[in-house]
């Protein structure tokens, strides 16, 4: 039986996931870099449009998000579908810490005070998980 810790053991400090938001009744999916920092999960965004970027407008209108992380082990595939909500992080210390620890963020944004630098926190509600090499899909509370 999968546990939250077991599912979260698949997360690396940074990896690409496919984030889904909604624009009205139309889903919108895009690749983003998910950042795991301790027990919390973040996305740096805003490089194309700053606070007016499409995904930020969508999250302000509806903070419910889901992302998909493909998994692979020994030639077998699996996945994590994570359900939760996203919100903009205003805490300056957190913004500075993540900006300092994510090298590519500094390439896009010269400082954590840059107007286009936006940090989102993803708060998980649940995971749908299929471990590579299995066919069973299990729901795990976050």
C-alpha atoms as a PDB file:
ATOM      1  CA  UNK A   1       0.000   0.000   0.000  1.00  0.00           C
ATOM      2  CA  UNK A   2       1.418   3.366  -1.020  1.00  0.00           C
ATOM      3  CA  UNK A   3       1.867   6.100   1.572  1.00  0.00           C
ATOM      4  CA  UNK A   4       2.314   9.854   1.229  1.00  0.00           C
ATOM      5  CA  UNK A   5       5.999   9.488   2.125  1.00  0.00           C
ATOM      6  CA  UNK A   6       6.377   6.661  -0.374  1.00  0.00           C
ATOM      7  CA  UNK A   7       4.862   8.737  -3.165  1.00  0.00           C
ATOM      8  CA  UNK A   8       6.866  11.827  -2.206  1.00  0.00           C
ATOM      9  CA  UNK A   9      10.100   9.800  -2.242  1.00  0.00           C
ATOM     10  CA  UNK A  10       9.854   9.971  -6.040  1.00  0.00           C
ATOM     11  CA  UNK A  11      10.236  13.759  -6.048  1.00  0.00           C
ATOM     12  CA  UNK A  12      13.677  15.226  -6.683  1.00  0.00           C
ATOM     13  CA  UNK A  13      14.714  18.750  -5.649  1.00  0.00           C
ATOM     14  CA  UNK A  14      13.729  19.962  -9.156  1.00  0.00           C
ATOM     15  CA  UNK A  15      11.958  18.250 -12.032  1.00  0.00           C
ATOM     16  CA  UNK A  16       9.653  19.030 -14.917  1.00  0.00           C
ATOM     17  CA  UNK A  17       5.951  18.331 -14.379  1.00  0.00           C
ATOM     18  CA  UNK A  18       2.929  19.118 -16.551  1.00  0.00           C
ATOM     19  CA  UNK A  19       0.785  21.655 -14.687  1.00  0.00           C
ATOM     20  CA  UNK A  20      -2.917  21.966 -15.490  1.00  0.00           C
ATOM     21  CA  UNK A  21      -4.950  25.073 -14.729  1.00  0.00           C
ATOM     22  CA  UNK A  22      -8.324  26.173 -16.086  1.00  0.00           C
ATOM     23  CA  UNK A  23      -9.234  29.161 -18.222  1.00  0.00           C
ATOM     24  CA  UNK A  24     -12.999  29.287 -18.001  1.00  0.00           C
ATOM     25  CA  UNK A  25     -14.072  25.792 -19.006  1.00  0.00           C
ATOM     26  CA  UNK A  26     -10.895  25.116 -21.006  1.00  0.00           C
ATOM     27  CA  UNK A  27      -8.012  23.216 -19.382  1.00  0.00           C
ATOM     28  CA  UNK A  28      -4.515  24.617 -19.954  1.00  0.00           C
ATOM     29  CA  UNK A  29      -1.441  22.419 -19.525  1.00  0.00           C
ATOM     30  CA  UNK A  30       2.188  23.458 -19.650  1.00  0.00           C
ATOM     31  CA  UNK A  31       5.560  22.135 -18.478  1.00  0.00           C
ATOM     32  CA  UNK A  32       6.951  23.800 -15.356  1.00  0.00           C
ATOM     33  CA  UNK A  33       9.839  23.067 -13.013  1.00  0.00           C
ATOM     34  CA  UNK A  34       8.536  21.755  -9.712  1.00  0.00           C
ATOM     35  CA  UNK A  35      10.855  22.597  -6.826  1.00  0.00           C
ATOM     36  CA  UNK A  36      10.796  20.502  -3.684  1.00  0.00           C
ATOM     37  CA  UNK A  37      12.147  22.409  -0.715  1.00  0.00           C
ATOM     38  CA  UNK A  38      11.901  20.321   2.431  1.00  0.00           C
ATOM     39  CA  UNK A  39       8.267  19.272   2.723  1.00  0.00           C
ATOM     40  CA  UNK A  40       6.983  22.092   0.485  1.00  0.00           C
ATOM     41  CA  UNK A  41       6.575  22.359  -3.272  1.00  0.00           C
ATOM     42  CA  UNK A  42       7.037  25.470  -5.422  1.00  0.00           C
ATOM     43  CA  UNK A  43       6.979  26.711  -9.000  1.00  0.00           C
ATOM     44  CA  UNK A  44       8.907  29.787 -10.158  1.00  0.00           C
ATOM     45  CA  UNK A  45       7.029  31.586 -12.906  1.00  0.00           C
ATOM     46  CA  UNK A  46       6.419  34.957 -14.498  1.00  0.00           C
ATOM     47  CA  UNK A  47       9.224  35.009 -17.082  1.00  0.00           C
ATOM     48  CA  UNK A  48       6.695  35.610 -19.834  1.00  0.00           C
ATOM     49  CA  UNK A  49       4.296  38.237 -18.607  1.00  0.00           C
ATOM     50  CA  UNK A  50       5.214  38.623 -14.943  1.00  0.00           C
ATOM     51  CA  UNK A  51       2.201  38.902 -12.686  1.00  0.00           C
ATOM     52  CA  UNK A  52       0.035  39.005 -15.822  1.00  0.00           C
ATOM     53  CA  UNK A  53       1.255  35.635 -17.130  1.00  0.00           C
ATOM     54  CA  UNK A  54      -1.590  33.425 -18.313  1.00  0.00           C
ATOM     55  CA  UNK A  55      -1.182  30.751 -15.657  1.00  0.00           C
ATOM     56  CA  UNK A  56      -1.218  33.368 -12.903  1.00  0.00           C
ATOM     57  CA  UNK A  57      -4.455  34.870 -14.190  1.00  0.00           C
ATOM     58  CA  UNK A  58      -5.936  31.377 -14.283  1.00  0.00           C
ATOM     59  CA  UNK A  59      -4.747  30.550 -10.747  1.00  0.00           C
ATOM     60  CA  UNK A  60      -6.137  33.811  -9.374  1.00  0.00           C
ATOM     61  CA  UNK A  61      -9.523  32.930 -10.898  1.00  0.00           C
ATOM     62  CA  UNK A  62      -9.359  29.272  -9.795  1.00  0.00           C
ATOM     63  CA  UNK A  63      -6.498  28.137  -7.526  1.00  0.00           C
ATOM     64  CA  UNK A  64      -7.211  24.420  -8.052  1.00  0.00           C
ATOM     65  CA  UNK A  65      -4.409  22.773 -10.011  1.00  0.00           C
ATOM     66  CA  UNK A  66      -3.227  19.334 -10.949  1.00  0.00           C
ATOM     67  CA  UNK A  67       0.082  18.192 -12.348  1.00  0.00           C
ATOM     68  CA  UNK A  68       1.387  15.027 -13.920  1.00  0.00           C
ATOM     69  CA  UNK A  69       4.835  13.594 -13.255  1.00  0.00           C
ATOM     70  CA  UNK A  70       5.881  10.643 -15.436  1.00  0.00           C
ATOM     71  CA  UNK A  71       7.958   8.042 -13.582  1.00  0.00           C
ATOM     72  CA  UNK A  72      10.401   5.481 -14.934  1.00  0.00           C
ATOM     73  CA  UNK A  73      12.305   2.611 -13.346  1.00  0.00           C
ATOM     74  CA  UNK A  74      14.071  -0.270 -15.077  1.00  0.00           C
ATOM     75  CA  UNK A  75      12.265   0.357 -18.361  1.00  0.00           C
ATOM     76  CA  UNK A  76       8.799   0.443 -16.770  1.00  0.00           C
ATOM     77  CA  UNK A  77       6.671   3.555 -16.530  1.00  0.00           C
ATOM     78  CA  UNK A  78       4.355   4.926 -13.891  1.00  0.00           C
ATOM     79  CA  UNK A  79       3.102   8.319 -12.804  1.00  0.00           C
ATOM     80  CA  UNK A  80       2.071  10.700 -10.075  1.00  0.00           C
ATOM     81  CA  UNK A  81      -0.961  12.914 -10.622  1.00  0.00           C
ATOM     82  CA  UNK A  82      -0.984  15.488  -7.849  1.00  0.00           C
ATOM     83  CA  UNK A  83      -4.116  17.444  -6.994  1.00  0.00           C
ATOM     84  CA  UNK A  84      -4.049  20.613  -4.930  1.00  0.00           C
ATOM     85  CA  UNK A  85      -4.114  24.374  -4.958  1.00  0.00           C
ATOM     86  CA  UNK A  86      -1.612  27.058  -5.855  1.00  0.00           C
ATOM     87  CA  UNK A  87      -1.036  30.447  -4.291  1.00  0.00           C
ATOM     88  CA  UNK A  88       1.479  33.249  -4.755  1.00  0.00           C
ATOM     89  CA  UNK A  89       4.153  33.361  -2.055  1.00  0.00           C
ATOM     90  CA  UNK A  90       4.549  36.872  -0.649  1.00  0.00           C
ATOM     91  CA  UNK A  91       6.968  35.993   2.169  1.00  0.00           C
ATOM     92  CA  UNK A  92      10.187  37.805   1.238  1.00  0.00           C
ATOM     93  CA  UNK A  93      12.503  35.392   3.082  1.00  0.00           C
ATOM     94  CA  UNK A  94      11.053  32.423   1.170  1.00  0.00           C
ATOM     95  CA  UNK A  95      11.262  34.306  -2.135  1.00  0.00           C
ATOM     96  CA  UNK A  96      14.911  35.179  -1.465  1.00  0.00           C
ATOM     97  CA  UNK A  97      15.822  31.661  -0.319  1.00  0.00           C
ATOM     98  CA  UNK A  98      14.346  29.984  -3.409  1.00  0.00           C
ATOM     99  CA  UNK A  99      15.809  32.587  -5.761  1.00  0.00           C
ATOM    100  CA  UNK A 100      19.222  31.924  -4.222  1.00  0.00           C
ATOM    101  CA  UNK A 101      18.905  28.130  -4.389  1.00  0.00           C
ATOM    102  CA  UNK A 102      17.528  27.760  -7.921  1.00  0.00           C
ATOM    103  CA  UNK A 103      20.323  28.701 -10.345  1.00  0.00           C
ATOM    104  CA  UNK A 104      18.144  28.965 -13.456  1.00  0.00           C
ATOM    105  CA  UNK A 105      15.783  31.384 -11.646  1.00  0.00           C
ATOM    106  CA  UNK A 106      18.682  33.818 -11.340  1.00  0.00           C
ATOM    107  CA  UNK A 107      19.182  33.557 -15.117  1.00  0.00           C
ATOM    108  CA  UNK A 108      15.615  34.754 -15.707  1.00  0.00           C
ATOM    109  CA  UNK A 109      15.313  37.168 -12.789  1.00  0.00           C
ATOM    110  CA  UNK A 110      18.310  39.227 -11.588  1.00  0.00           C
ATOM    111  CA  UNK A 111      16.898  39.551  -8.061  1.00  0.00           C
ATOM    112  CA  UNK A 112      14.043  38.194  -5.928  1.00  0.00           C
ATOM    113  CA  UNK A 113      12.564  41.703  -6.107  1.00  0.00           C
ATOM    114  CA  UNK A 114      12.315  41.639  -9.908  1.00  0.00           C
ATOM    115  CA  UNK A 115       8.744  42.499 -10.918  1.00  0.00           C
ATOM    116  CA  UNK A 116       8.417  39.392 -13.115  1.00  0.00           C
ATOM    117  CA  UNK A 117       9.675  36.935 -10.456  1.00  0.00           C
ATOM    118  CA  UNK A 118       6.657  35.087  -9.067  1.00  0.00           C
ATOM    119  CA  UNK A 119       6.895  32.164  -6.663  1.00  0.00           C
ATOM    120  CA  UNK A 120       3.926  29.814  -6.365  1.00  0.00           C
ATOM    121  CA  UNK A 121       3.448  27.260  -3.625  1.00  0.00           C
ATOM    122  CA  UNK A 122       1.558  24.098  -4.514  1.00  0.00           C
ATOM    123  CA  UNK A 123      -0.359  22.645  -1.556  1.00  0.00           C
ATOM    124  CA  UNK A 124      -1.214  19.018  -2.266  1.00  0.00           C
ATOM    125  CA  UNK A 125      -4.573  17.467  -1.429  1.00  0.00           C
ATOM    126  CA  UNK A 126      -4.009  13.996  -2.860  1.00  0.00           C
ATOM    127  CA  UNK A 127      -1.981  11.912  -5.277  1.00  0.00           C
ATOM    128  CA  UNK A 128      -2.998   9.326  -7.856  1.00  0.00           C
ATOM    129  CA  UNK A 129       0.014   7.021  -8.059  1.00  0.00           C
ATOM    130  CA  UNK A 130       1.056   4.139 -10.262  1.00  0.00           C
ATOM    131  CA  UNK A 131       4.430   2.762  -9.338  1.00  0.00           C
ATOM    132  CA  UNK A 132       6.567   1.721 -12.316  1.00  0.00           C
ATOM    133  CA  UNK A 133       6.261  -1.999 -12.952  1.00  0.00           C
ATOM    134  CA  UNK A 134       2.704  -2.208 -11.581  1.00  0.00           C
ATOM    135  CA  UNK A 135      -0.754  -1.709 -13.041  1.00  0.00           C
ATOM    136  CA  UNK A 136      -2.575  -0.655  -9.871  1.00  0.00           C
ATOM    137  CA  UNK A 137      -3.427   3.030  -9.487  1.00  0.00           C
ATOM    138  CA  UNK A 138      -3.873   4.127  -5.879  1.00  0.00           C
ATOM    139  CA  UNK A 139      -5.151   7.349  -4.362  1.00  0.00           C
ATOM    140  CA  UNK A 140      -3.010   8.656  -1.508  1.00  0.00           C
ATOM    141  CA  UNK A 141      -3.890  11.594   0.739  1.00  0.00           C
ATOM    142  CA  UNK A 142      -1.281  14.315   0.990  1.00  0.00           C
END
